[in-house]
C-alpha cells in the first residue's frame, strides 16, 4: 500500500537520523524529516517513536538496540532499567516509580508492554510513574516484579 511505503521510509529515516545525531525533541525530528522531503506531523512522529521502541533520555532519543548492551537477552526492562531511580508505594493500590528526567514515558511503556495482570494501568509524567493495582496483594506482586526487573 502506498501509505505503508511512506511510513516505512519515514521510519527508516528516523532510525538513520537517531543513529547519526543527537535529537532532543520531536519538533527537531519533524524539522529534519521535512528537510528530507517526508510529509510528517508531530503526532505521526510520536506514534513512530513509540512503535519503534525509541526511548527518551535526558540527552535525547535513544534507539532500543543502543540503549544498553544485553537489552535483547534481558527483555524490555534492561533497556530502560538505567533510568529508574526509586520504587515506592503511595497507599494500598498505587505504586510510584521515580526516573531520570524525561524517561518516565519509556519506562511506563515497558511496564505496559510486559502485560502484568496485576497492573490496572500506568500514568507517566516527565520523571514519575503511577501504577494502579486492584488491591494491596496485587501491589505486593507488582513491587516484587519491579524490584526484580530494575534492581531497586
Protein backbone atom coordinates (compact mmCIF):
# COMPACT_ATOMS: atom_id res chain seq x y z
CA UNK A 1 0.00 0.00 0.00
CA UNK A 2 1.20 3.49 -0.79
CA UNK A 3 0.98 4.80 2.79
CA UNK A 4 2.78 1.74 4.18
CA UNK A 5 5.70 2.51 1.87
CA UNK A 6 5.83 6.12 3.10
CA UNK A 7 5.61 5.05 6.74
CA UNK A 8 8.45 2.54 6.33
CA UNK A 9 10.60 5.11 4.51
CA UNK A 10 9.92 7.66 7.26
CA UNK A 11 10.77 5.15 9.99
CA UNK A 12 13.99 4.19 8.23
CA UNK A 13 14.87 7.88 8.09
CA UNK A 14 14.09 8.26 11.81
CA UNK A 15 16.41 5.36 12.69
CA UNK A 16 19.17 6.76 10.48
CA UNK A 17 18.82 10.26 11.94
CA UNK A 18 18.85 9.00 15.54
CA UNK A 19 21.94 6.89 14.86
CA UNK A 20 23.81 9.76 13.24
CA UNK A 21 22.93 12.68 15.51
CA UNK A 22 21.56 13.64 18.90
CA UNK A 23 17.88 14.59 18.65
CA UNK A 24 16.35 16.00 21.83
CA UNK A 25 12.82 16.97 20.78
CA UNK A 26 10.12 15.68 18.46
CA UNK A 27 9.88 19.11 16.83
CA UNK A 28 13.53 18.82 15.87
CA UNK A 29 12.93 15.40 14.34
CA UNK A 30 9.91 16.75 12.41
CA UNK A 31 12.09 19.53 11.01
CA UNK A 32 14.87 17.12 9.97
CA UNK A 33 12.42 14.76 8.28
CA UNK A 34 10.65 17.57 6.43
CA UNK A 35 14.03 18.78 5.22
CA UNK A 36 14.49 15.31 3.66
CA UNK A 37 11.09 15.52 1.96
CA UNK A 38 8.96 13.45 4.34
CA UNK A 39 5.41 14.67 4.99
CA UNK A 40 5.18 14.38 8.80
CA UNK A 41 3.35 15.76 11.80
CA UNK A 42 4.34 15.61 15.42
CA UNK A 43 1.60 13.06 16.11
CA UNK A 44 2.89 10.74 13.36
CA UNK A 45 6.43 11.07 14.75
CA UNK A 46 5.20 10.36 18.27
CA UNK A 47 3.48 7.18 17.05
CA UNK A 48 6.56 6.14 15.04
CA UNK A 49 8.86 6.63 18.04
CA UNK A 50 6.57 4.59 20.27
CA UNK A 51 6.19 1.76 17.73
CA UNK A 52 9.94 1.69 17.03
CA UNK A 53 10.58 1.37 20.78
CA UNK A 54 12.66 4.56 20.87
CA UNK A 55 13.50 5.67 24.41
CA UNK A 56 13.57 9.24 25.68
CA UNK A 57 16.65 10.07 27.73
CA UNK A 58 17.69 13.44 29.16
CA UNK A 59 20.33 13.63 26.39
CA UNK A 60 17.83 12.88 23.60
CA UNK A 61 16.20 9.93 21.89
CA UNK A 62 17.90 6.52 22.06
CA UNK A 63 17.28 3.57 19.77
CA UNK A 64 16.48 0.42 21.75
CA UNK A 65 19.45 -1.63 20.50
CA UNK A 66 21.88 1.09 21.57
CA UNK A 67 20.26 1.85 24.92
CA UNK A 68 22.15 -0.81 26.82
CA UNK A 69 24.18 -3.88 25.90
CA UNK A 70 22.25 -7.02 26.63
CA UNK A 71 18.81 -5.49 26.27
CA UNK A 72 17.75 -8.27 23.92
CA UNK A 73 18.56 -11.01 26.38
CA UNK A 74 17.11 -9.30 29.46
CA UNK A 75 13.82 -8.13 27.93
CA UNK A 76 12.24 -4.69 27.77
CA UNK A 77 13.41 -3.69 31.22
CA UNK A 78 17.12 -3.90 30.50
CA UNK A 79 16.88 -1.04 28.03
CA UNK A 80 15.11 1.26 30.49
CA UNK A 81 16.38 -0.02 33.84
CA UNK A 82 19.18 2.53 33.93
CA UNK A 83 16.56 5.31 34.13
CA UNK A 84 14.76 4.03 37.25
CA UNK A 85 15.83 5.74 40.47
CA UNK A 86 13.27 4.67 43.07
CA UNK A 87 10.19 2.47 43.58
CA UNK A 88 7.83 3.10 46.49
CA UNK A 89 4.18 2.79 47.49
CA UNK A 90 1.62 5.54 47.95
CA UNK A 91 -1.24 3.75 49.65
CA UNK A 92 -2.58 0.23 49.21
CA UNK A 93 -3.01 0.31 45.42
CA UNK A 94 -0.70 2.99 43.96
CA UNK A 95 2.98 2.38 43.28
CA UNK A 96 5.27 5.27 42.37
CA UNK A 97 8.39 4.99 40.25
CA UNK A 98 10.84 7.90 40.06
CA UNK A 99 13.02 8.04 36.94
CA UNK A 100 15.61 10.31 35.43
CA UNK A 101 14.11 13.42 33.83
CA UNK A 102 12.37 12.66 30.55
CA UNK A 103 12.42 8.86 30.98
CA UNK A 104 9.12 8.07 32.68
CA UNK A 105 7.22 7.51 29.42
CA UNK A 106 9.73 4.94 28.19
CA UNK A 107 9.73 3.06 31.49
CA UNK A 108 5.91 3.12 31.66
CA UNK A 109 5.72 1.79 28.09
CA UNK A 110 7.99 -1.13 29.05
CA UNK A 111 5.77 -1.90 32.04
CA UNK A 112 2.64 -1.73 29.89
CA UNK A 113 4.27 -3.97 27.28
CA UNK A 114 5.07 -6.57 29.97
CA UNK A 115 1.33 -7.22 30.32
CA UNK A 116 1.35 -7.92 34.05
CA UNK A 117 -2.17 -8.96 35.10
CA UNK A 118 -1.87 -7.10 38.41
CA UNK A 119 -1.40 -3.71 36.71
CA UNK A 120 -4.70 -1.92 36.15
CA UNK A 121 -2.90 0.95 34.41
CA UNK A 122 0.02 3.36 34.36
CA UNK A 123 0.20 7.13 34.18
CA UNK A 124 3.52 8.81 33.46
CA UNK A 125 4.80 12.33 33.64
CA UNK A 126 8.32 13.56 32.98
CA UNK A 127 10.09 11.71 35.79
CA UNK A 128 7.29 9.97 37.71
CA UNK A 129 5.05 6.98 37.02
CA UNK A 130 1.93 5.96 38.94
CA UNK A 131 0.94 2.31 38.68
CA UNK A 132 -2.58 1.40 39.78
CA UNK A 133 -3.38 -2.07 41.10
CA UNK A 134 -6.67 -3.53 42.31
CA UNK A 135 -5.57 -4.09 45.89
CA UNK A 136 -2.62 -4.43 48.27
CA UNK A 137 -1.99 -8.06 47.29
CA UNK A 138 -1.67 -7.15 43.60
CA UNK A 139 0.54 -4.21 44.57
CA UNK A 140 2.88 -6.51 46.51
CA UNK A 141 3.29 -8.74 43.44
CA UNK A 142 3.97 -5.71 41.22
CA UNK A 143 6.54 -4.36 43.69
CA UNK A 144 8.35 -7.69 43.63
CA UNK A 145 8.35 -7.75 39.80
CA UNK A 146 9.57 -4.14 39.63
CA UNK A 147 12.39 -4.76 42.10
CA UNK A 148 13.45 -7.86 40.19
CA UNK A 149 13.29 -6.03 36.87
CA UNK A 150 15.04 -2.83 37.97
CA UNK A 151 17.13 -3.90 40.95
CA UNK A 152 15.83 -1.11 43.16
